[in-house]
Amino acid sequence: MALKDEGSAKKLTITAPNAKGEAPKDDAPLEEKIKYTIAAEVNPQLASHGGFVDLVEITGDKDVILNFGGGCQGCSSVKVTLKSGVETQLKSIYPEIRNILDVTDHTQKENAYM
């Protein structure tokens, strides 16, 4: 943490290099790795629209089950976000994933971004 004096205004800068947590080791379970990637890479992108995604489970067939919330829940663009964003990103990092499925109730639209 640093306090900079910029003329009449003071600016507080907080550095938090471990805010996203420590990256899991290569031999960590797939669930742990995916949770980290969602927290460190996916959710910061979704946060620009007030959204987020949570890992619900990974099936024995390596299907990744996700639940969207915030601005993503009920958003008309969530299918594009899932296929072109989240799925592409996760499958490129973890090729063992078979499918990525969304189990969100998108009929709830009160916080939807679009």
Foldseek 3Di string as FASTA:
>chain_A
DDWDDDDPDIDDDDDDPQPLHDQDDPPDDPQSNLQSCQSPPVQVVVVVLQKGKDFPDQDPQQETEIEIDAQLQLAPCVVCCVVVNVVVVVCVVPVSHDHYYYPYNSVPRPRHSD
